[in-house]
């Protein structure tokens, strides 16, 4: 019999936190390799754009979500945009996306929220 603290591993949860876009799974070196950039670039955008979590030893750890944001900034920098401006552009794009999402929700509220009428 399983104790209450044991977790049953199934296909749905077999990777646990690795399926979480916000789980800080990547070291700085691995993140830089995946993005095709340098740790210095990640440090530079870390001040303005993404704040990596720190391991118990103080090392920076990045999530998949943070790597997608860093990749967007890198594309802009590769096109000649200064790092600071690239970070600001990405921040503004994220804010615009969020505002548009909220706007869409307000224009088309879920039908479940409407009160039912007895006709």
PDB file of N, CA and C in Angstrom:
ATOM      1  N   UNK A   1       0.842  -1.181   0.000  1.00  0.00           N
ATOM      2  CA  UNK A   1       0.000   0.000   0.000  1.00  0.00           C
ATOM      3  C   UNK A   1       0.888   1.246   0.000  1.00  0.00           C
ATOM      4  N   UNK A   2       0.496   2.251  -0.745  1.00  0.00           N
ATOM      5  CA  UNK A   2       1.260   3.494  -0.848  1.00  0.00           C
ATOM      6  C   UNK A   2       1.000   4.379   0.355  1.00  0.00           C
ATOM      7  N   UNK A   3       2.060   5.101   0.745  1.00  0.00           N
ATOM      8  CA  UNK A   3       1.863   6.095   1.802  1.00  0.00           C
ATOM      9  C   UNK A   3       1.221   7.324   1.172  1.00  0.00           C
ATOM     10  N   UNK A   4       0.550   8.179   1.969  1.00  0.00           N
ATOM     11  CA  UNK A   4      -0.112   9.357   1.413  1.00  0.00           C
ATOM     12  C   UNK A   4       0.847  10.330   0.731  1.00  0.00           C
ATOM     13  N   UNK A   5       2.134  10.281   1.048  1.00  0.00           N
ATOM     14  CA  UNK A   5       3.081  11.226   0.459  1.00  0.00           C
ATOM     15  C   UNK A   5       3.675  10.730  -0.848  1.00  0.00           C
ATOM     16  N   UNK A   6       3.483   9.465  -1.187  1.00  0.00           N
ATOM     17  CA  UNK A   6       4.013   8.951  -2.446  1.00  0.00           C
ATOM     18  C   UNK A   6       3.196   9.486  -3.616  1.00  0.00           C
ATOM     19  N   UNK A   7       3.871   9.730  -4.715  1.00  0.00           N
ATOM     20  CA  UNK A   7       3.200  10.207  -5.913  1.00  0.00           C
ATOM     21  C   UNK A   7       3.252   9.110  -6.947  1.00  0.00           C
ATOM     22  N   UNK A   8       2.110   8.787  -7.504  1.00  0.00           N
ATOM     23  CA  UNK A   8       2.066   7.787  -8.553  1.00  0.00           C
ATOM     24  C   UNK A   8       2.505   8.436  -9.857  1.00  0.00           C
ATOM     25  N   UNK A   9       3.519   7.860 -10.495  1.00  0.00           N
ATOM     26  CA  UNK A   9       4.015   8.392 -11.761  1.00  0.00           C
ATOM     27  C   UNK A   9       3.182   7.797 -12.883  1.00  0.00           C
ATOM     28  N   UNK A  10       2.615   8.667 -13.689  1.00  0.00           N
ATOM     29  CA  UNK A  10       1.835   8.237 -14.842  1.00  0.00           C
ATOM     30  C   UNK A  10       2.418   8.901 -16.072  1.00  0.00           C
ATOM     31  N   UNK A  11       1.916   8.524 -17.212  1.00  0.00           N
ATOM     32  CA  UNK A  11       2.377   9.145 -18.454  1.00  0.00           C
ATOM     33  C   UNK A  11       2.112  10.634 -18.412  1.00  0.00           C
ATOM     34  N   UNK A  12       0.970  11.057 -17.833  1.00  0.00           N
ATOM     35  CA  UNK A  12       0.613  12.465 -17.799  1.00  0.00           C
ATOM     36  C   UNK A  12       1.564  13.303 -16.954  1.00  0.00           C
ATOM     37  N   UNK A  13       2.128  12.748 -15.880  1.00  0.00           N
ATOM     38  CA  UNK A  13       2.979  13.554 -15.007  1.00  0.00           C
ATOM     39  C   UNK A  13       4.394  13.007 -14.889  1.00  0.00           C
ATOM     40  N   UNK A  14       4.818  12.185 -15.840  1.00  0.00           N
ATOM     41  CA  UNK A  14       6.108  11.516 -15.733  1.00  0.00           C
ATOM     42  C   UNK A  14       7.298  12.471 -15.740  1.00  0.00           C
ATOM     43  N   UNK A  15       7.140  13.659 -16.305  1.00  0.00           N
ATOM     44  CA  UNK A  15       8.246  14.602 -16.348  1.00  0.00           C
ATOM     45  C   UNK A  15       8.122  15.683 -15.287  1.00  0.00           C
ATOM     46  N   UNK A  16       7.052  15.662 -14.537  1.00  0.00           N
ATOM     47  CA  UNK A  16       6.869  16.588 -13.415  1.00  0.00           C
ATOM     48  C   UNK A  16       7.154  18.026 -13.779  1.00  0.00           C
ATOM     49  N   UNK A  17       8.071  18.661 -13.047  1.00  0.00           N
ATOM     50  CA  UNK A  17       8.321  20.078 -13.262  1.00  0.00           C
ATOM     51  C   UNK A  17       8.933  20.402 -14.623  1.00  0.00           C
ATOM     52  N   UNK A  18       9.502  19.429 -15.303  1.00  0.00           N
ATOM     53  CA  UNK A  18      10.091  19.713 -16.614  1.00  0.00           C
ATOM     54  C   UNK A  18       9.034  20.062 -17.652  1.00  0.00           C
ATOM     55  N   UNK A  19       7.787  19.688 -17.400  1.00  0.00           N
ATOM     56  CA  UNK A  19       6.695  20.066 -18.293  1.00  0.00           C
ATOM     57  C   UNK A  19       6.235  21.491 -18.032  1.00  0.00           C
ATOM     58  N   UNK A  20       6.676  22.069 -16.947  1.00  0.00           N
ATOM     59  CA  UNK A  20       6.274  23.419 -16.543  1.00  0.00           C
ATOM     60  C   UNK A  20       7.154  24.441 -17.250  1.00  0.00           C
ATOM     61  N   UNK A  21       6.528  25.338 -18.030  1.00  0.00           N
ATOM     62  CA  UNK A  21       7.276  26.368 -18.759  1.00  0.00           C
ATOM     63  C   UNK A  21       8.044  27.303 -17.837  1.00  0.00           C
ATOM     64  N   UNK A  22       7.626  27.397 -16.587  1.00  0.00           N
ATOM     65  CA  UNK A  22       8.267  28.315 -15.648  1.00  0.00           C
ATOM     66  C   UNK A  22       9.297  27.637 -14.742  1.00  0.00           C
ATOM     67  N   UNK A  23       9.497  26.337 -14.919  1.00  0.00           N
ATOM     68  CA  UNK A  23      10.468  25.625 -14.091  1.00  0.00           C
ATOM     69  C   UNK A  23      11.889  25.982 -14.534  1.00  0.00           C
ATOM     70  N   UNK A  24      12.732  26.423 -13.608  1.00  0.00           N
ATOM     71  CA  UNK A  24      14.101  26.850 -13.967  1.00  0.00           C
ATOM     72  C   UNK A  24      15.034  25.656 -14.193  1.00  0.00           C
ATOM     73  N   UNK A  25      14.941  25.063 -15.356  1.00  0.00           N
ATOM     74  CA  UNK A  25      15.648  23.819 -15.634  1.00  0.00           C
ATOM     75  C   UNK A  25      17.018  23.990 -16.272  1.00  0.00           C
ATOM     76  N   UNK A  26      17.323  25.180 -16.782  1.00  0.00           N
ATOM     77  CA  UNK A  26      18.537  25.344 -17.583  1.00  0.00           C
ATOM     78  C   UNK A  26      19.563  26.239 -16.907  1.00  0.00           C
ATOM     79  N   UNK A  27      20.798  25.767 -16.880  1.00  0.00           N
ATOM     80  CA  UNK A  27      21.890  26.582 -16.354  1.00  0.00           C
ATOM     81  C   UNK A  27      22.203  27.687 -17.359  1.00  0.00           C
ATOM     82  N   UNK A  28      22.969  28.646 -16.927  1.00  0.00           N
ATOM     83  CA  UNK A  28      23.332  29.746 -17.822  1.00  0.00           C
ATOM     84  C   UNK A  28      24.081  29.229 -19.050  1.00  0.00           C
ATOM     85  N   UNK A  29      25.020  28.339 -18.847  1.00  0.00           N
ATOM     86  CA  UNK A  29      25.788  27.811 -19.970  1.00  0.00           C
ATOM     87  C   UNK A  29      24.918  27.076 -20.964  1.00  0.00           C
ATOM     88  N   UNK A  30      24.019  26.242 -20.457  1.00  0.00           N
ATOM     89  CA  UNK A  30      23.115  25.488 -21.333  1.00  0.00           C
ATOM     90  C   UNK A  30      22.160  26.442 -22.057  1.00  0.00           C
ATOM     91  N   UNK A  31      21.642  27.418 -21.334  1.00  0.00           N
ATOM     92  CA  UNK A  31      20.733  28.404 -21.939  1.00  0.00           C
ATOM     93  C   UNK A  31      21.443  29.164 -23.060  1.00  0.00           C
ATOM     94  N   UNK A  32      22.664  29.593 -22.808  1.00  0.00           N
ATOM     95  CA  UNK A  32      23.433  30.322 -23.825  1.00  0.00           C
ATOM     96  C   UNK A  32      23.671  29.439 -25.050  1.00  0.00           C
ATOM     97  N   UNK A  33      24.003  28.167 -24.824  1.00  0.00           N
ATOM     98  CA  UNK A  33      24.199  27.234 -25.943  1.00  0.00           C
ATOM     99  C   UNK A  33      22.922  27.077 -26.756  1.00  0.00           C
ATOM    100  N   UNK A  34      21.803  26.928 -26.079  1.00  0.00           N
ATOM    101  CA  UNK A  34      20.527  26.734 -26.766  1.00  0.00           C
ATOM    102  C   UNK A  34      20.152  27.954 -27.601  1.00  0.00           C
ATOM    103  N   UNK A  35      20.489  29.139 -27.106  1.00  0.00           N
ATOM    104  CA  UNK A  35      20.161  30.378 -27.813  1.00  0.00           C
ATOM    105  C   UNK A  35      21.223  30.771 -28.838  1.00  0.00           C
ATOM    106  N   UNK A  36      22.364  30.100 -28.797  1.00  0.00           N
ATOM    107  CA  UNK A  36      23.449  30.451 -29.700  1.00  0.00           C
ATOM    108  C   UNK A  36      24.061  31.794 -29.353  1.00  0.00           C
ATOM    109  N   UNK A  37      24.155  32.072 -28.070  1.00  0.00           N
ATOM    110  CA  UNK A  37      24.697  33.349 -27.606  1.00  0.00           C
ATOM    111  C   UNK A  37      25.696  33.101 -26.486  1.00  0.00           C
ATOM    112  N   UNK A  38      26.036  34.139 -25.765  1.00  0.00           N
ATOM    113  CA  UNK A  38      27.020  34.021 -24.692  1.00  0.00           C
ATOM    114  C   UNK A  38      26.359  34.253 -23.336  1.00  0.00           C
ATOM    115  N   UNK A  39      26.985  33.772 -22.272  1.00  0.00           N
ATOM    116  CA  UNK A  39      26.474  34.088 -20.938  1.00  0.00           C
ATOM    117  C   UNK A  39      26.425  35.595 -20.684  1.00  0.00           C
ATOM    118  N   UNK A  40      27.345  36.348 -21.285  1.00  0.00           N
ATOM    119  CA  UNK A  40      27.340  37.802 -21.110  1.00  0.00           C
ATOM    120  C   UNK A  40      26.050  38.417 -21.648  1.00  0.00           C
ATOM    121  N   UNK A  41      25.540  37.892 -22.756  1.00  0.00           N
ATOM    122  CA  UNK A  41      24.275  38.389 -23.302  1.00  0.00           C
ATOM    123  C   UNK A  41      23.145  38.117 -22.309  1.00  0.00           C
ATOM    124  N   UNK A  42      23.127  36.924 -21.743  1.00  0.00           N
ATOM    125  CA  UNK A  42      22.079  36.593 -20.764  1.00  0.00           C
ATOM    126  C   UNK A  42      22.178  37.479 -19.529  1.00  0.00           C
ATOM    127  N   UNK A  43      23.392  37.770 -19.096  1.00  0.00           N
ATOM    128  CA  UNK A  43      23.553  38.682 -17.959  1.00  0.00           C
ATOM    129  C   UNK A  43      23.039  40.074 -18.316  1.00  0.00           C
ATOM    130  N   UNK A  44      23.320  40.519 -19.539  1.00  0.00           N
ATOM    131  CA  UNK A  44      22.906  41.860 -19.969  1.00  0.00           C
ATOM    132  C   UNK A  44      21.388  41.987 -20.003  1.00  0.00           C
ATOM    133  N   UNK A  45      20.701  40.997 -20.542  1.00  0.00           N
ATOM    134  CA  UNK A  45      19.244  41.102 -20.589  1.00  0.00           C
ATOM    135  C   UNK A  45      18.614  40.748 -19.249  1.00  0.00           C
ATOM    136  N   UNK A  46      19.379  40.075 -18.411  1.00  0.00           N
ATOM    137  CA  UNK A  46      18.876  39.717 -17.087  1.00  0.00           C
ATOM    138  C   UNK A  46      18.583  40.922 -16.223  1.00  0.00           C
ATOM    139  N   UNK A  47      19.288  41.998 -16.449  1.00  0.00           N
ATOM    140  CA  UNK A  47      19.054  43.209 -15.675  1.00  0.00           C
ATOM    141  C   UNK A  47      17.759  43.900 -16.075  1.00  0.00           C
ATOM    142  N   UNK A  48      17.387  43.813 -17.358  1.00  0.00           N
ATOM    143  CA  UNK A  48      16.253  44.589 -17.858  1.00  0.00           C
ATOM    144  C   UNK A  48      15.043  43.745 -18.257  1.00  0.00           C
ATOM    145  N   UNK A  49      15.237  42.497 -18.615  1.00  0.00           N
ATOM    146  CA  UNK A  49      14.172  41.735 -19.252  1.00  0.00           C
ATOM    147  C   UNK A  49      13.727  40.511 -18.472  1.00  0.00           C
ATOM    148  N   UNK A  50      14.652  39.662 -18.124  1.00  0.00           N
ATOM    149  CA  UNK A  50      14.298  38.439 -17.398  1.00  0.00           C
ATOM    150  C   UNK A  50      15.167  38.327 -16.159  1.00  0.00           C
ATOM    151  N   UNK A  51      14.560  37.909 -15.089  1.00  0.00           N
ATOM    152  CA  UNK A  51      15.307  37.704 -13.853  1.00  0.00           C
ATOM    153  C   UNK A  51      15.353  36.206 -13.591  1.00  0.00           C
ATOM    154  N   UNK A  52      16.494  35.580 -13.844  1.00  0.00           N
ATOM    155  CA  UNK A  52      16.564  34.140 -13.634  1.00  0.00           C
ATOM    156  C   UNK A  52      16.493  33.804 -12.146  1.00  0.00           C
ATOM    157  N   UNK A  53      15.972  32.636 -11.866  1.00  0.00           N
ATOM    158  CA  UNK A  53      15.985  32.160 -10.491  1.00  0.00           C
ATOM    159  C   UNK A  53      17.401  31.725 -10.162  1.00  0.00           C
ATOM    160  N   UNK A  54      17.687  31.601  -8.896  1.00  0.00           N
ATOM    161  CA  UNK A  54      19.027  31.196  -8.469  1.00  0.00           C
ATOM    162  C   UNK A  54      18.954  29.839  -7.778  1.00  0.00           C
ATOM    163  N   UNK A  55      19.934  28.995  -8.057  1.00  0.00           N
ATOM    164  CA  UNK A  55      20.032  27.708  -7.377  1.00  0.00           C
ATOM    165  C   UNK A  55      20.510  27.960  -5.951  1.00  0.00           C
ATOM    166  N   UNK A  56      20.521  26.926  -5.150  1.00  0.00           N
ATOM    167  CA  UNK A  56      21.012  27.076  -3.777  1.00  0.00           C
ATOM    168  C   UNK A  56      22.444  27.574  -3.749  1.00  0.00           C
ATOM    169  N   UNK A  57      23.205  27.247  -4.767  1.00  0.00           N
ATOM    170  CA  UNK A  57      24.592  27.698  -4.863  1.00  0.00           C
ATOM    171  C   UNK A  57      24.734  29.088  -5.473  1.00  0.00           C
ATOM    172  N   UNK A  58      23.613  29.714  -5.843  1.00  0.00           N
ATOM    173  CA  UNK A  58      23.652  31.058  -6.386  1.00  0.00           C
ATOM    174  C   UNK A  58      23.780  31.139  -7.899  1.00  0.00           C
ATOM    175  N   UNK A  59      23.721  29.993  -8.578  1.00  0.00           N
ATOM    176  CA  UNK A  59      23.859  29.985 -10.035  1.00  0.00           C
ATOM    177  C   UNK A  59      22.528  30.324 -10.697  1.00  0.00           C
ATOM    178  N   UNK A  60      22.602  31.050 -11.800  1.00  0.00           N
ATOM    179  CA  UNK A  60      21.389  31.423 -12.541  1.00  0.00           C
ATOM    180  C   UNK A  60      20.777  30.196 -13.195  1.00  0.00           C
ATOM    181  N   UNK A  61      19.442  30.116 -13.125  1.00  0.00           N
ATOM    182  CA  UNK A  61      18.690  29.031 -13.745  1.00  0.00           C
ATOM    183  C   UNK A  61      17.543  29.643 -14.550  1.00  0.00           C
ATOM    184  N   UNK A  62      17.361  29.176 -15.781  1.00  0.00           N
ATOM    185  CA  UNK A  62      16.386  29.745 -16.697  1.00  0.00           C
ATOM    186  C   UNK A  62      15.282  28.741 -17.026  1.00  0.00           C
ATOM    187  N   UNK A  63      14.094  29.257 -17.223  1.00  0.00           N
ATOM    188  CA  UNK A  63      12.960  28.428 -17.630  1.00  0.00           C
ATOM    189  C   UNK A  63      12.799  28.495 -19.153  1.00  0.00           C
ATOM    190  N   UNK A  64      11.962  27.611 -19.684  1.00  0.00           N
ATOM    191  CA  UNK A  64      11.692  27.641 -21.133  1.00  0.00           C
ATOM    192  C   UNK A  64      11.036  28.960 -21.522  1.00  0.00           C
ATOM    193  N   UNK A  65      10.141  29.444 -20.676  1.00  0.00           N
ATOM    194  CA  UNK A  65       9.480  30.727 -20.954  1.00  0.00           C
ATOM    195  C   UNK A  65      10.516  31.849 -21.048  1.00  0.00           C
ATOM    196  N   UNK A  66      11.454  31.890 -20.114  1.00  0.00           N
ATOM    197  CA  UNK A  66      12.493  32.917 -20.132  1.00  0.00           C
ATOM    198  C   UNK A  66      13.377  32.783 -21.367  1.00  0.00           C
ATOM    199  N   UNK A  67      13.641  31.562 -21.790  1.00  0.00           N
ATOM    200  CA  UNK A  67      14.463  31.364 -22.983  1.00  0.00           C
ATOM    201  C   UNK A  67      13.746  31.853 -24.242  1.00  0.00           C
ATOM    202  N   UNK A  68      12.429  31.691 -24.293  1.00  0.00           N
ATOM    203  CA  UNK A  68      11.688  32.218 -25.448  1.00  0.00           C
ATOM    204  C   UNK A  68      11.784  33.744 -25.487  1.00  0.00           C
ATOM    205  N   UNK A  69      11.680  34.386 -24.331  1.00  0.00           N
ATOM    206  CA  UNK A  69      11.801  35.840 -24.272  1.00  0.00           C
ATOM    207  C   UNK A  69      13.209  36.268 -24.676  1.00  0.00           C
ATOM    208  N   UNK A  70      14.209  35.574 -24.167  1.00  0.00           N
ATOM    209  CA  UNK A  70      15.594  35.895 -24.506  1.00  0.00           C
ATOM    210  C   UNK A  70      15.838  35.708 -26.002  1.00  0.00           C
ATOM    211  N   UNK A  71      15.227  34.696 -26.597  1.00  0.00           N
ATOM    212  CA  UNK A  71      15.390  34.454 -28.039  1.00  0.00           C
ATOM    213  C   UNK A  71      14.804  35.608 -28.844  1.00  0.00           C
ATOM    214  N   UNK A  72      13.671  36.158 -28.390  1.00  0.00           N
ATOM    215  CA  UNK A  72      13.093  37.313 -29.084  1.00  0.00           C
ATOM    216  C   UNK A  72      14.033  38.513 -29.009  1.00  0.00           C
ATOM    217  N   UNK A  73      14.622  38.732 -27.846  1.00  0.00           N
ATOM    218  CA  UNK A  73      15.572  39.846 -27.704  1.00  0.00           C
ATOM    219  C   UNK A  73      16.795  39.608 -28.582  1.00  0.00           C
ATOM    220  N   UNK A  74      17.266  38.381 -28.621  1.00  0.00           N
ATOM    221  CA  UNK A  74      18.449  38.077 -29.435  1.00  0.00           C
ATOM    222  C   UNK A  74      18.188  38.344 -30.910  1.00  0.00           C
ATOM    223  N   UNK A  75      16.987  38.005 -31.399  1.00  0.00           N
ATOM    224  CA  UNK A  75      16.656  38.273 -32.802  1.00  0.00           C
ATOM    225  C   UNK A  75      16.773  39.764 -33.104  1.00  0.00           C
ATOM    226  N   UNK A  76      16.273  40.594 -32.203  1.00  0.00           N
ATOM    227  CA  UNK A  76      16.348  42.043 -32.402  1.00  0.00           C
ATOM    228  C   UNK A  76      17.796  42.534 -32.387  1.00  0.00           C
ATOM    229  N   UNK A  77      18.583  42.006 -31.453  1.00  0.00           N
ATOM    230  CA  UNK A  77      19.990  42.397 -31.360  1.00  0.00           C
ATOM    231  C   UNK A  77      20.732  41.961 -32.620  1.00  0.00           C
ATOM    232  N   UNK A  78      20.413  40.776 -33.122  1.00  0.00           N
ATOM    233  CA  UNK A  78      21.048  40.292 -34.352  1.00  0.00           C
ATOM    234  C   UNK A  78      20.713  41.180 -35.548  1.00  0.00           C
ATOM    235  N   UNK A  79      19.575  41.870 -35.475  1.00  0.00           N
ATOM    236  CA  UNK A  79      19.169  42.783 -36.552  1.00  0.00           C
ATOM    237  C   UNK A  79      19.751  44.182 -36.369  1.00  0.00           C
ATOM    238  N   UNK A  80      20.559  44.370 -35.312  1.00  0.00           N
ATOM    239  CA  UNK A  80      21.226  45.650 -35.109  1.00  0.00           C
ATOM    240  C   UNK A  80      20.638  46.536 -34.031  1.00  0.00           C
ATOM    241  N   UNK A  81      19.632  46.046 -33.318  1.00  0.00           N
ATOM    242  CA  UNK A  81      19.020  46.829 -32.243  1.00  0.00           C
ATOM    243  C   UNK A  81      19.905  46.747 -31.001  1.00  0.00           C
ATOM    244  N   UNK A  82      20.181  47.859 -30.341  1.00  0.00           N
ATOM    245  CA  UNK A  82      20.949  47.805 -29.091  1.00  0.00           C
ATOM    246  C   UNK A  82      20.224  46.956 -28.040  1.00  0.00           C
ATOM    247  N   UNK A  83      20.980  46.325 -27.168  1.00  0.00           N
ATOM    248  CA  UNK A  83      20.419  45.412 -26.168  1.00  0.00           C
ATOM    249  C   UNK A  83      19.329  46.088 -25.340  1.00  0.00           C
ATOM    250  N   UNK A  84      19.591  47.289 -24.858  1.00  0.00           N
ATOM    251  CA  UNK A  84      18.614  47.983 -24.017  1.00  0.00           C
ATOM    252  C   UNK A  84      17.317  48.223 -24.771  1.00  0.00           C
ATOM    253  N   UNK A  85      17.421  48.634 -26.034  1.00  0.00           N
ATOM    254  CA  UNK A  85      16.237  48.884 -26.852  1.00  0.00           C
ATOM    255  C   UNK A  85      15.500  47.571 -27.152  1.00  0.00           C
ATOM    256  N   UNK A  86      16.237  46.505 -27.417  1.00  0.00           N
ATOM    257  CA  UNK A  86      15.626  45.203 -27.680  1.00  0.00           C
ATOM    258  C   UNK A  86      14.817  44.742 -26.472  1.00  0.00           C
ATOM    259  N   UNK A  87      15.372  44.928 -25.285  1.00  0.00           N
ATOM    260  CA  UNK A  87      14.661  44.546 -24.060  1.00  0.00           C
ATOM    261  C   UNK A  87      13.375  45.346 -23.923  1.00  0.00           C
ATOM    262  N   UNK A  88      13.451  46.640 -24.179  1.00  0.00           N
ATOM    263  CA  UNK A  88      12.266  47.488 -24.060  1.00  0.00           C
ATOM    264  C   UNK A  88      11.204  47.100 -25.087  1.00  0.00           C
ATOM    265  N   UNK A  89      11.625  46.790 -26.294  1.00  0.00           N
ATOM    266  CA  UNK A  89      10.690  46.362 -27.338  1.00  0.00           C
ATOM    267  C   UNK A  89       9.967  45.087 -26.928  1.00  0.00           C
ATOM    268  N   UNK A  90      10.711  44.121 -26.418  1.00  0.00           N
ATOM    269  CA  UNK A  90      10.107  42.856 -26.003  1.00  0.00           C
ATOM    270  C   UNK A  90       9.119  43.088 -24.858  1.00  0.00           C
ATOM    271  N   UNK A  91       9.481  43.932 -23.906  1.00  0.00           N
ATOM    272  CA  UNK A  91       8.574  44.250 -22.799  1.00  0.00           C
ATOM    273  C   UNK A  91       7.292  44.878 -23.333  1.00  0.00           C
ATOM    274  N   UNK A  92       7.425  45.835 -24.237  1.00  0.00           N
ATOM    275  CA  UNK A  92       6.247  46.500 -24.796  1.00  0.00           C
ATOM    276  C   UNK A  92       5.398  45.538 -25.624  1.00  0.00           C
ATOM    277  N   UNK A  93       6.036  44.639 -26.358  1.00  0.00           N
ATOM    278  CA  UNK A  93       5.282  43.638 -27.116  1.00  0.00           C
ATOM    279  C   UNK A  93       4.481  42.743 -26.173  1.00  0.00           C
ATOM    280  N   UNK A  94       5.091  42.333 -25.070  1.00  0.00           N
ATOM    281  CA  UNK A  94       4.393  41.498 -24.085  1.00  0.00           C
ATOM    282  C   UNK A  94       3.212  42.246 -23.482  1.00  0.00           C
ATOM    283  N   UNK A  95       3.400  43.518 -23.166  1.00  0.00           N
ATOM    284  CA  UNK A  95       2.312  44.318 -22.604  1.00  0.00           C
ATOM    285  C   UNK A  95       1.175  44.469 -23.608  1.00  0.00           C
ATOM    286  N   UNK A  96       1.511  44.689 -24.874  1.00  0.00           N
ATOM    287  CA  UNK A  96       0.497  44.812 -25.909  1.00  0.00           C
ATOM    288  C   UNK A  96      -0.270  43.509 -26.077  1.00  0.00           C
ATOM    289  N   UNK A  97       0.438  42.387 -26.105  1.00  0.00           N
ATOM    290  CA  UNK A  97      -0.219  41.081 -26.224  1.00  0.00           C
ATOM    291  C   UNK A  97      -1.201  40.861 -25.079  1.00  0.00           C
ATOM    292  N   UNK A  98      -0.775  41.187 -23.872  1.00  0.00           N
ATOM    293  CA  UNK A  98      -1.634  41.016 -22.696  1.00  0.00           C
ATOM    294  C   UNK A  98      -2.849  41.939 -22.771  1.00  0.00           C
ATOM    295  N   UNK A  99      -2.661  43.181 -23.171  1.00  0.00           N
ATOM    296  CA  UNK A  99      -3.772  44.130 -23.287  1.00  0.00           C
ATOM    297  C   UNK A  99      -4.766  43.656 -24.351  1.00  0.00           C
ATOM    298  N   UNK A 100      -4.265  43.133 -25.460  1.00  0.00           N
ATOM    299  CA  UNK A 100      -5.149  42.630 -26.513  1.00  0.00           C
ATOM    300  C   UNK A 100      -5.922  41.402 -26.039  1.00  0.00           C
ATOM    301  N   UNK A 101      -5.269  40.544 -25.264  1.00  0.00           N
ATOM    302  CA  UNK A 101      -5.943  39.362 -24.728  1.00  0.00           C
ATOM    303  C   UNK A 101      -7.071  39.779 -23.790  1.00  0.00           C
ATOM    304  N   UNK A 102      -6.797  40.730 -22.914  1.00  0.00           N
ATOM    305  CA  UNK A 102      -7.814  41.220 -21.975  1.00  0.00           C
ATOM    306  C   UNK A 102      -8.955  41.886 -22.732  1.00  0.00           C
ATOM    307  N   UNK A 103      -8.617  42.695 -23.721  1.00  0.00           N
ATOM    308  CA  UNK A 103      -9.623  43.361 -24.556  1.00  0.00           C
ATOM    309  C   UNK A 103     -10.545  42.348 -25.214  1.00  0.00           C
ATOM    310  N   UNK A 104      -9.967  41.303 -25.759  1.00  0.00           N
ATOM    311  CA  UNK A 104     -10.755  40.261 -26.422  1.00  0.00           C
ATOM    312  C   UNK A 104     -11.686  39.573 -25.426  1.00  0.00           C
ATOM    313  N   UNK A 105     -11.203  39.303 -24.237  1.00  0.00           N
ATOM    314  CA  UNK A 105     -12.044  38.682 -23.209  1.00  0.00           C
ATOM    315  C   UNK A 105     -13.211  39.582 -22.824  1.00  0.00           C
ATOM    316  N   UNK A 106     -12.958  40.881 -22.756  1.00  0.00           N
ATOM    317  CA  UNK A 106     -14.010  41.819 -22.390  1.00  0.00           C
ATOM    318  C   UNK A 106     -15.040  41.986 -23.509  1.00  0.00           C
ATOM    319  N   UNK A 107     -14.600  41.876 -24.749  1.00  0.00           N
ATOM    320  CA  UNK A 107     -15.522  41.993 -25.885  1.00  0.00           C
ATOM    321  C   UNK A 107     -16.411  40.780 -26.033  1.00  0.00           C
ATOM    322  N   UNK A 108     -15.859  39.619 -25.717  1.00  0.00           N
ATOM    323  CA  UNK A 108     -16.573  38.356 -25.895  1.00  0.00           C
ATOM    324  C   UNK A 108     -16.548  37.563 -24.600  1.00  0.00           C
ATOM    325  N   UNK A 109     -17.355  37.980 -23.628  1.00  0.00           N
ATOM    326  CA  UNK A 109     -17.356  37.248 -22.360  1.00  0.00           C
ATOM    327  C   UNK A 109     -17.841  35.814 -22.568  1.00  0.00           C
ATOM    328  N   UNK A 110     -17.375  34.942 -21.733  1.00  0.00           N
ATOM    329  CA  UNK A 110     -17.755  33.529 -21.832  1.00  0.00           C
ATOM    330  C   UNK A 110     -19.257  33.389 -21.675  1.00  0.00           C
ATOM    331  N   UNK A 111     -19.853  32.527 -22.468  1.00  0.00           N
ATOM    332  CA  UNK A 111     -21.295  32.343 -22.417  1.00  0.00           C
ATOM    333  C   UNK A 111     -21.722  31.729 -21.102  1.00  0.00           C
ATOM    334  N   UNK A 112     -20.835  31.015 -20.416  1.00  0.00           N
ATOM    335  CA  UNK A 112     -21.182  30.403 -19.136  1.00  0.00           C
ATOM    336  C   UNK A 112     -21.446  31.442 -18.062  1.00  0.00           C
ATOM    337  N   UNK A 113     -20.905  32.641 -18.210  1.00  0.00           N
ATOM    338  CA  UNK A 113     -21.044  33.677 -17.203  1.00  0.00           C
ATOM    339  C   UNK A 113     -22.384  34.392 -17.299  1.00  0.00           C
ATOM    340  N   UNK A 114     -23.096  34.216 -18.410  1.00  0.00           N
ATOM    341  CA  UNK A 114     -24.369  34.903 -18.585  1.00  0.00           C
ATOM    342  C   UNK A 114     -25.436  34.234 -17.741  1.00  0.00           C
ATOM    343  N   UNK A 115     -26.268  35.009 -17.071  1.00  0.00           N
ATOM    344  CA  UNK A 115     -27.335  34.397 -16.258  1.00  0.00           C
ATOM    345  C   UNK A 115     -28.354  33.716 -17.160  1.00  0.00           C
ATOM    346  N   UNK A 116     -28.851  32.601 -16.672  1.00  0.00           N
ATOM    347  CA  UNK A 116     -29.866  31.872 -17.430  1.00  0.00           C
ATOM    348  C   UNK A 116     -31.214  32.503 -17.142  1.00  0.00           C
ATOM    349  N   UNK A 117     -32.021  32.564 -18.172  1.00  0.00           N
ATOM    350  CA  UNK A 117     -33.362  33.117 -17.993  1.00  0.00           C
ATOM    351  C   UNK A 117     -34.386  32.024 -18.180  1.00  0.00           C
ATOM    352  N   UNK A 118     -35.440  32.098 -17.432  1.00  0.00           N
ATOM    353  CA  UNK A 118     -36.540  31.135 -17.573  1.00  0.00           C
ATOM    354  C   UNK A 118     -37.623  31.788 -18.403  1.00  0.00           C
ATOM    355  N   UNK A 119     -37.754  31.386 -19.626  1.00  0.00           N
ATOM    356  CA  UNK A 119     -38.736  32.006 -20.516  1.00  0.00           C
ATOM    357  C   UNK A 119     -40.034  31.265 -20.520  1.00  0.00           C
TER     358      UNK A 119
END
